[in-house]
N, C-alpha and C. Protein backbone atom coordinates (compact mmCIF):
# COMPACT_ATOMS: atom_id res chain seq x y z
N UNK A 1 26.79 -22.50 -15.77
CA UNK A 1 25.92 -23.03 -14.60
C UNK A 1 24.59 -23.45 -15.22
N UNK A 2 24.18 -24.89 -15.20
CA UNK A 2 23.04 -25.37 -15.65
C UNK A 2 21.88 -25.01 -14.57
N UNK A 3 20.57 -25.33 -15.06
CA UNK A 3 19.44 -25.09 -14.12
C UNK A 3 19.61 -26.07 -13.24
N UNK A 4 20.02 -27.19 -13.21
CA UNK A 4 20.21 -28.05 -12.24
C UNK A 4 21.23 -27.47 -11.14
N UNK A 5 22.10 -26.71 -11.37
CA UNK A 5 22.99 -26.17 -10.37
C UNK A 5 22.53 -24.83 -9.85
N UNK A 6 21.57 -24.28 -10.21
CA UNK A 6 20.80 -23.13 -9.78
C UNK A 6 20.51 -23.18 -8.27
N UNK A 7 20.79 -22.31 -7.42
CA UNK A 7 20.58 -22.58 -6.04
C UNK A 7 19.23 -22.27 -5.96
N UNK A 8 18.56 -23.20 -4.95
CA UNK A 8 16.99 -22.69 -4.95
C UNK A 8 16.93 -21.22 -4.18
N UNK A 9 15.97 -20.89 -4.31
CA UNK A 9 15.48 -19.31 -3.70
C UNK A 9 15.14 -19.74 -2.33
N UNK A 10 15.53 -18.74 -1.74
CA UNK A 10 15.28 -18.66 -0.30
C UNK A 10 13.66 -18.69 0.09
N UNK A 11 13.33 -18.85 1.24
CA UNK A 11 11.81 -18.97 1.30
C UNK A 11 11.13 -17.63 1.18
N UNK A 12 12.11 -16.75 1.79
CA UNK A 12 11.54 -15.25 1.59
C UNK A 12 11.54 -14.71 0.11
N UNK A 13 12.62 -15.13 -0.75
CA UNK A 13 12.51 -14.84 -2.26
C UNK A 13 11.49 -15.37 -2.78
N UNK A 14 11.23 -16.82 -2.31
CA UNK A 14 10.09 -17.52 -3.31
C UNK A 14 8.73 -16.86 -3.04
N UNK A 15 8.56 -16.46 -1.76
CA UNK A 15 7.40 -15.87 -1.29
C UNK A 15 7.23 -14.44 -1.84
N UNK A 16 8.14 -13.59 -1.99
CA UNK A 16 7.94 -12.23 -2.73
C UNK A 16 8.04 -12.50 -3.95
N UNK A 17 8.57 -13.44 -4.90
CA UNK A 17 8.25 -13.82 -6.11
C UNK A 17 6.90 -14.08 -6.43
N UNK A 18 6.26 -14.94 -5.60
CA UNK A 18 4.85 -15.65 -5.85
C UNK A 18 3.92 -14.21 -5.51
N UNK A 19 4.53 -13.40 -4.71
CA UNK A 19 3.62 -12.34 -4.23
C UNK A 19 3.53 -10.90 -5.48
N UNK A 20 4.71 -10.93 -5.75
CA UNK A 20 4.81 -9.93 -6.93
C UNK A 20 3.89 -10.60 -7.99
N UNK A 21 4.27 -11.76 -8.57
CA UNK A 21 3.45 -12.57 -9.76
C UNK A 21 2.00 -12.58 -9.31
N UNK A 22 1.56 -12.66 -8.03
CA UNK A 22 0.35 -12.60 -7.89
C UNK A 22 -0.38 -11.01 -8.23
N UNK A 23 0.45 -10.29 -7.72
CA UNK A 23 -0.29 -8.86 -8.06
C UNK A 23 -0.26 -8.58 -9.57
N UNK A 24 0.52 -8.98 -10.22
CA UNK A 24 0.23 -8.92 -11.81
C UNK A 24 -0.89 -9.72 -12.00
N UNK A 25 -0.92 -10.97 -11.93
CA UNK A 25 -1.97 -11.87 -12.39
C UNK A 25 -3.60 -11.28 -11.77
N UNK A 26 -3.53 -10.74 -10.62
CA UNK A 26 -4.75 -10.13 -10.26
C UNK A 26 -5.14 -8.86 -11.10
N UNK A 27 -4.12 -8.11 -11.19
CA UNK A 27 -4.17 -6.86 -12.08
C UNK A 27 -4.67 -7.25 -13.69
N UNK A 28 -4.08 -8.15 -14.21
CA UNK A 28 -4.40 -8.53 -15.59
C UNK A 28 -5.58 -9.38 -15.60
N UNK A 29 -5.93 -9.94 -14.52
CA UNK A 29 -7.35 -10.63 -14.60
C UNK A 29 -8.35 -9.39 -14.47
N UNK A 30 -8.03 -8.51 -13.85
CA UNK A 30 -9.12 -7.33 -13.60
C UNK A 30 -9.21 -6.70 -15.01
N UNK A 31 -8.21 -6.33 -15.78
CA UNK A 31 -7.90 -5.71 -16.90
C UNK A 31 -8.60 -6.41 -17.95
N UNK A 32 -8.37 -7.92 -18.19
CA UNK A 32 -9.06 -8.34 -19.12
C UNK A 32 -10.61 -8.72 -18.86
N UNK A 33 -10.95 -8.90 -17.83
CA UNK A 33 -12.29 -9.23 -17.60
C UNK A 33 -13.24 -7.90 -17.59
N UNK A 34 -12.67 -6.71 -17.36
CA UNK A 34 -13.69 -5.36 -17.70
C UNK A 34 -13.57 -5.24 -19.28
N UNK A 35 -12.64 -5.86 -20.07
CA UNK A 35 -12.96 -5.61 -21.47
C UNK A 35 -13.75 -6.52 -22.03
N UNK A 36 -14.19 -7.81 -21.51
CA UNK A 36 -15.04 -8.66 -22.19
C UNK A 36 -16.42 -8.24 -22.32
N UNK A 37 -17.11 -7.79 -21.33
CA UNK A 37 -18.55 -7.29 -21.60
C UNK A 37 -18.61 -5.86 -22.32
N UNK A 38 -19.47 -5.62 -23.27
CA UNK A 38 -19.35 -3.96 -23.84
C UNK A 38 -19.64 -3.01 -23.04
N UNK A 39 -18.76 -2.90 -21.83
CA UNK A 39 -18.76 -1.78 -20.95
C UNK A 39 -18.41 -0.41 -21.98
N UNK A 40 -19.36 0.74 -21.35
CA UNK A 40 -19.24 1.90 -22.04
C UNK A 40 -17.78 2.53 -21.66
N UNK A 41 -17.70 2.39 -20.49
CA UNK A 41 -16.46 3.18 -20.06
C UNK A 41 -15.05 2.73 -20.49
N UNK A 42 -15.12 1.26 -20.64
CA UNK A 42 -13.95 0.57 -21.36
C UNK A 42 -13.82 1.33 -23.02
N UNK A 43 -14.87 1.21 -23.91
CA UNK A 43 -14.80 1.44 -25.15
C UNK A 43 -14.46 3.23 -25.29
N UNK A 44 -15.11 3.81 -24.39
CA UNK A 44 -15.11 5.46 -24.65
C UNK A 44 -13.68 5.74 -24.04
N UNK A 45 -12.88 4.97 -23.26
CA UNK A 45 -11.53 5.38 -23.04
C UNK A 45 -10.48 4.85 -24.08
N UNK A 46 -10.90 4.20 -24.87
CA UNK A 46 -9.89 3.55 -25.88
C UNK A 46 -9.80 4.79 -26.87
N UNK A 47 -11.13 5.46 -27.11
CA UNK A 47 -11.10 6.48 -28.15
C UNK A 47 -10.21 7.54 -28.05
N UNK A 48 -9.70 8.33 -26.84
CA UNK A 48 -8.50 9.37 -26.99
C UNK A 48 -7.17 8.49 -27.31
N UNK A 49 -7.11 7.11 -27.09
CA UNK A 49 -5.87 6.65 -27.34
C UNK A 49 -5.87 6.26 -28.79
N UNK A 50 -6.63 6.49 -29.61
CA UNK A 50 -6.44 5.87 -30.86
C UNK A 50 -7.21 4.91 -31.28
N UNK A 51 -7.68 4.06 -30.50
CA UNK A 51 -8.65 2.83 -31.15
C UNK A 51 -9.80 3.13 -30.96
N UNK A 52 -10.52 2.23 -31.52
CA UNK A 52 -11.96 1.95 -32.07
C UNK A 52 -12.67 1.72 -30.89
N UNK A 53 -14.02 2.37 -30.82
CA UNK A 53 -14.87 2.23 -29.53
C UNK A 53 -15.45 0.99 -29.88
N UNK A 54 -15.06 0.14 -30.81
CA UNK A 54 -15.89 -1.07 -30.92
C UNK A 54 -15.68 -2.06 -29.76
N UNK A 55 -16.56 -2.51 -29.36
CA UNK A 55 -16.67 -3.66 -28.13
C UNK A 55 -15.76 -4.78 -28.46
N UNK A 56 -15.70 -5.17 -29.78
CA UNK A 56 -15.03 -6.38 -30.09
C UNK A 56 -13.76 -6.16 -30.29
N UNK A 57 -13.19 -4.95 -30.34
CA UNK A 57 -11.94 -4.60 -30.35
C UNK A 57 -11.26 -4.81 -28.81
N UNK A 58 -12.12 -4.42 -27.98
CA UNK A 58 -11.91 -4.34 -26.33
C UNK A 58 -11.92 -5.65 -26.01
N UNK A 59 -12.59 -6.55 -26.56
CA UNK A 59 -13.06 -8.03 -26.21
C UNK A 59 -11.60 -8.73 -26.56
N UNK A 60 -11.32 -8.38 -27.70
CA UNK A 60 -10.08 -9.05 -28.27
C UNK A 60 -8.89 -8.83 -27.31
N UNK A 61 -8.47 -7.44 -26.98
CA UNK A 61 -7.55 -7.07 -26.30
C UNK A 61 -7.75 -8.14 -24.72
N UNK A 62 -9.07 -7.95 -24.20
CA UNK A 62 -9.17 -8.53 -23.10
C UNK A 62 -8.69 -10.05 -23.22
N UNK A 63 -9.17 -10.85 -23.98
CA UNK A 63 -8.91 -12.04 -24.51
C UNK A 63 -7.51 -12.25 -24.39
N UNK A 64 -6.78 -11.68 -25.25
CA UNK A 64 -5.23 -11.62 -25.26
C UNK A 64 -4.46 -11.55 -23.95
N UNK A 65 -5.02 -10.56 -23.35
CA UNK A 65 -4.61 -10.53 -21.95
C UNK A 65 -4.63 -11.41 -20.94
N UNK A 66 -6.06 -12.12 -20.92
CA UNK A 66 -6.18 -13.03 -20.09
C UNK A 66 -5.62 -14.46 -20.34
N UNK A 67 -5.58 -14.82 -21.59
CA UNK A 67 -4.72 -15.87 -22.16
C UNK A 67 -3.26 -15.86 -21.75
N UNK A 68 -2.65 -14.79 -21.93
CA UNK A 68 -1.31 -14.44 -21.48
C UNK A 68 -0.98 -14.43 -19.93
N UNK A 69 -2.19 -13.84 -19.34
CA UNK A 69 -2.08 -13.90 -18.17
C UNK A 69 -2.06 -15.55 -17.50
N UNK A 70 -2.96 -16.38 -17.61
CA UNK A 70 -3.11 -17.66 -17.68
C UNK A 70 -1.82 -18.61 -18.00
N UNK A 71 -1.16 -18.04 -19.03
CA UNK A 71 0.16 -18.89 -19.20
C UNK A 71 1.13 -18.48 -18.17
N UNK A 72 1.02 -17.26 -17.72
CA UNK A 72 2.29 -16.71 -16.89
C UNK A 72 1.98 -17.35 -15.60
N UNK A 73 0.56 -17.66 -15.14
CA UNK A 73 0.34 -18.01 -13.87
C UNK A 73 0.63 -19.64 -13.79
N UNK A 74 0.65 -20.39 -14.74
CA UNK A 74 0.98 -21.55 -14.76
C UNK A 74 2.43 -21.77 -14.76
N UNK A 75 3.25 -22.68 -13.83
CA UNK A 75 4.58 -22.72 -13.89
C UNK A 75 5.32 -23.33 -15.18
N UNK A 76 4.52 -24.46 -15.70
CA UNK A 76 5.06 -24.88 -17.13
C UNK A 76 5.26 -24.02 -18.00
N UNK A 77 4.34 -22.83 -18.08
CA UNK A 77 4.24 -22.03 -19.27
C UNK A 77 4.60 -20.55 -18.80
N UNK A 78 5.03 -20.30 -17.60
CA UNK A 78 5.17 -18.99 -16.98
C UNK A 78 6.08 -18.07 -17.87
N UNK A 79 7.09 -18.66 -18.52
CA UNK A 79 8.14 -17.73 -19.36
C UNK A 79 7.45 -17.40 -20.45
N UNK A 80 6.76 -18.14 -21.14
CA UNK A 80 6.07 -17.81 -22.56
C UNK A 80 4.92 -16.85 -22.20
N UNK A 81 4.42 -17.08 -21.01
CA UNK A 81 3.43 -15.88 -20.41
C UNK A 81 3.89 -14.72 -20.22
N UNK A 82 5.46 -14.81 -19.51
CA UNK A 82 5.69 -13.60 -19.16
C UNK A 82 6.05 -12.80 -20.74
N UNK A 83 7.10 -13.48 -21.60
CA UNK A 83 7.15 -12.94 -22.90
C UNK A 83 6.01 -12.27 -23.55
N UNK A 84 4.86 -13.03 -23.40
CA UNK A 84 3.59 -12.45 -23.99
C UNK A 84 3.16 -11.23 -23.39
N UNK A 85 3.17 -11.26 -22.16
CA UNK A 85 2.77 -10.06 -21.33
C UNK A 85 3.53 -8.84 -21.49
N UNK A 86 4.87 -9.03 -21.80
CA UNK A 86 5.84 -8.39 -22.05
C UNK A 86 5.41 -7.39 -23.26
N UNK A 87 5.08 -8.14 -24.13
CA UNK A 87 4.76 -7.61 -25.58
C UNK A 87 3.38 -6.73 -25.40
N UNK A 88 2.43 -7.41 -24.61
CA UNK A 88 1.31 -6.74 -24.46
C UNK A 88 1.39 -5.37 -23.92
N UNK A 89 2.33 -5.33 -22.84
CA UNK A 89 2.60 -3.99 -22.35
C UNK A 89 3.43 -3.07 -22.99
N UNK A 90 4.38 -3.65 -24.09
CA UNK A 90 4.85 -2.83 -25.08
C UNK A 90 3.89 -2.29 -26.07
N UNK A 91 2.86 -2.78 -26.47
CA UNK A 91 1.63 -1.93 -27.19
C UNK A 91 0.99 -1.07 -26.43
N UNK A 92 0.74 -1.31 -25.21
CA UNK A 92 0.34 -0.41 -24.10
C UNK A 92 1.44 1.11 -24.32
N UNK A 93 2.65 0.78 -23.87
CA UNK A 93 3.74 1.64 -23.95
C UNK A 93 3.53 2.56 -25.13
N UNK A 94 3.69 1.65 -26.48
CA UNK A 94 3.53 2.40 -27.73
C UNK A 94 2.56 3.18 -28.04
N UNK A 95 1.08 2.56 -27.40
CA UNK A 95 -0.17 3.37 -27.63
C UNK A 95 0.06 4.92 -26.73
N UNK A 96 0.44 4.84 -25.68
CA UNK A 96 0.86 5.95 -24.64
C UNK A 96 1.63 6.96 -25.30
N UNK A 97 2.76 6.55 -26.10
CA UNK A 97 3.73 7.45 -26.67
C UNK A 97 3.21 8.18 -27.65
N UNK A 98 2.34 7.44 -28.57
CA UNK A 98 1.95 7.74 -29.80
C UNK A 98 0.86 9.01 -29.52
N UNK A 99 0.01 8.94 -28.37
CA UNK A 99 -0.85 9.95 -27.88
C UNK A 99 -0.30 11.20 -27.16
N UNK A 100 1.20 10.91 -26.79
CA UNK A 100 1.77 12.09 -25.89
C UNK A 100 1.21 11.82 -24.55
N UNK A 101 0.99 10.80 -23.94
CA UNK A 101 0.34 10.74 -22.59
C UNK A 101 1.58 11.09 -21.57
N UNK A 102 1.28 11.50 -20.41
CA UNK A 102 2.44 11.89 -19.61
C UNK A 102 3.56 10.59 -19.20
N UNK A 103 4.49 10.83 -19.30
CA UNK A 103 5.72 9.95 -19.42
C UNK A 103 5.64 8.92 -17.95
N UNK A 104 5.92 9.47 -16.71
CA UNK A 104 6.00 8.65 -15.50
C UNK A 104 4.58 7.96 -15.14
N UNK A 105 3.51 8.70 -15.34
CA UNK A 105 2.34 8.10 -15.10
C UNK A 105 1.41 7.10 -16.05
N UNK A 106 1.71 7.41 -17.15
CA UNK A 106 0.80 6.78 -18.12
C UNK A 106 1.84 5.83 -19.32
N UNK A 107 2.87 6.44 -19.73
CA UNK A 107 3.75 5.72 -20.59
C UNK A 107 4.49 4.72 -19.95
N UNK A 108 4.89 4.99 -18.82
CA UNK A 108 6.10 3.89 -18.15
C UNK A 108 5.17 2.82 -17.51
N UNK A 109 4.16 2.92 -17.20
CA UNK A 109 3.15 2.30 -16.35
C UNK A 109 3.63 0.78 -16.87
N UNK A 110 3.41 0.40 -18.30
CA UNK A 110 3.64 -0.78 -18.77
C UNK A 110 5.05 -1.48 -18.34
N UNK A 111 6.04 -0.47 -18.30
CA UNK A 111 7.60 -0.76 -17.93
C UNK A 111 7.41 -1.07 -16.39
N UNK A 112 6.75 -0.25 -15.51
CA UNK A 112 6.55 -0.83 -14.23
C UNK A 112 5.97 -2.27 -14.14
N UNK A 113 5.10 -2.23 -14.90
CA UNK A 113 4.43 -3.76 -14.45
C UNK A 113 5.29 -4.86 -15.09
N UNK A 114 6.12 -4.65 -16.34
CA UNK A 114 7.02 -5.77 -16.68
C UNK A 114 8.08 -5.98 -15.79
N UNK A 115 8.58 -4.93 -15.15
CA UNK A 115 9.55 -5.14 -14.15
C UNK A 115 9.22 -5.87 -12.96
N UNK A 116 8.05 -5.79 -12.53
CA UNK A 116 7.40 -6.33 -11.70
C UNK A 116 7.02 -8.11 -11.79
N UNK A 117 6.59 -7.98 -13.31
CA UNK A 117 6.35 -9.34 -13.61
C UNK A 117 7.74 -10.18 -13.86
N UNK A 118 8.69 -9.67 -14.21
CA UNK A 118 9.91 -10.25 -14.40
C UNK A 118 10.50 -10.67 -13.11
N UNK A 119 10.55 -9.62 -12.33
CA UNK A 119 11.05 -9.68 -10.85
C UNK A 119 10.46 -10.74 -10.21
N UNK A 120 9.12 -11.00 -10.21
CA UNK A 120 8.43 -12.11 -9.64
C UNK A 120 8.70 -13.32 -10.13
N UNK A 121 8.79 -13.20 -11.54
CA UNK A 121 9.19 -14.71 -12.22
C UNK A 121 10.67 -15.30 -11.88
N UNK A 122 11.61 -14.20 -11.93
CA UNK A 122 13.11 -14.46 -11.39
C UNK A 122 13.14 -15.07 -10.02
N UNK A 123 12.51 -14.33 -9.24
CA UNK A 123 12.37 -14.92 -7.56
C UNK A 123 11.89 -16.08 -7.55
N UNK A 124 11.06 -16.82 -8.37
CA UNK A 124 10.32 -17.87 -8.12
C UNK A 124 10.63 -19.30 -9.12
N UNK A 125 11.34 -18.63 -10.20
CA UNK A 125 11.53 -19.82 -11.18
C UNK A 125 13.10 -20.08 -11.42
N UNK A 126 13.87 -20.90 -11.00
CA UNK A 126 15.26 -21.28 -11.26
C UNK A 126 15.70 -21.25 -12.89
N UNK A 127 14.66 -21.67 -13.52
CA UNK A 127 15.05 -21.34 -14.76
C UNK A 127 15.33 -20.09 -15.37
N UNK A 128 14.84 -19.26 -14.93
CA UNK A 128 14.85 -17.62 -15.29
C UNK A 128 16.27 -17.42 -14.41
N UNK A 129 16.30 -17.75 -13.51
CA UNK A 129 17.50 -17.46 -12.55
C UNK A 129 18.90 -17.84 -13.26
N UNK A 130 18.81 -19.16 -13.89
CA UNK A 130 19.84 -19.60 -14.61
C UNK A 130 20.29 -19.03 -15.92
N UNK A 131 18.91 -18.45 -16.61
CA UNK A 131 19.16 -17.76 -17.92
C UNK A 131 19.66 -16.05 -17.55
N UNK A 132 19.36 -15.68 -16.52
CA UNK A 132 19.57 -14.31 -16.21
C UNK A 132 20.44 -14.27 -14.77
N UNK A 133 21.85 -14.61 -14.69
CA UNK A 133 22.60 -14.49 -13.60
C UNK A 133 22.80 -13.37 -13.08
N UNK A 134 22.57 -12.81 -12.16
CA UNK A 134 23.00 -11.60 -11.71
C UNK A 134 24.19 -11.53 -10.98
N UNK A 135 24.51 -12.67 -10.25
CA UNK A 135 25.76 -13.02 -9.52
C UNK A 135 26.00 -14.35 -9.99
N UNK A 136 27.37 -14.57 -9.69
CA UNK A 136 27.83 -16.01 -9.74
C UNK A 136 28.28 -16.52 -8.57
């Protein structure tokens, strides 16, 4: 089945996808923006995770997150953005595994966000539905 043959999403599915994607975009904007200024709360919470308390490290992570989020929010680059955000979440998961944080509340949080991210994209983008056909 080609992309042109993919059935359009119902209005409800489309709006559910937009809502899920909007939640991710808002969360990631917040996450990225708080890392840009040298906030002590941000840099000090990075130390127990094994990261440097250097504001430039936090700023770099914030910029990477914001660029990936912008790519995800734009329809033409949403798949690339989803891939980059999934990689970003993978880094968060690996960090939490390394410091032995609790599984369901900390370590898997990146998995939860990634599921919401891809679910929203699946519901709003026929290219993704054609790539991952759950039913025929």
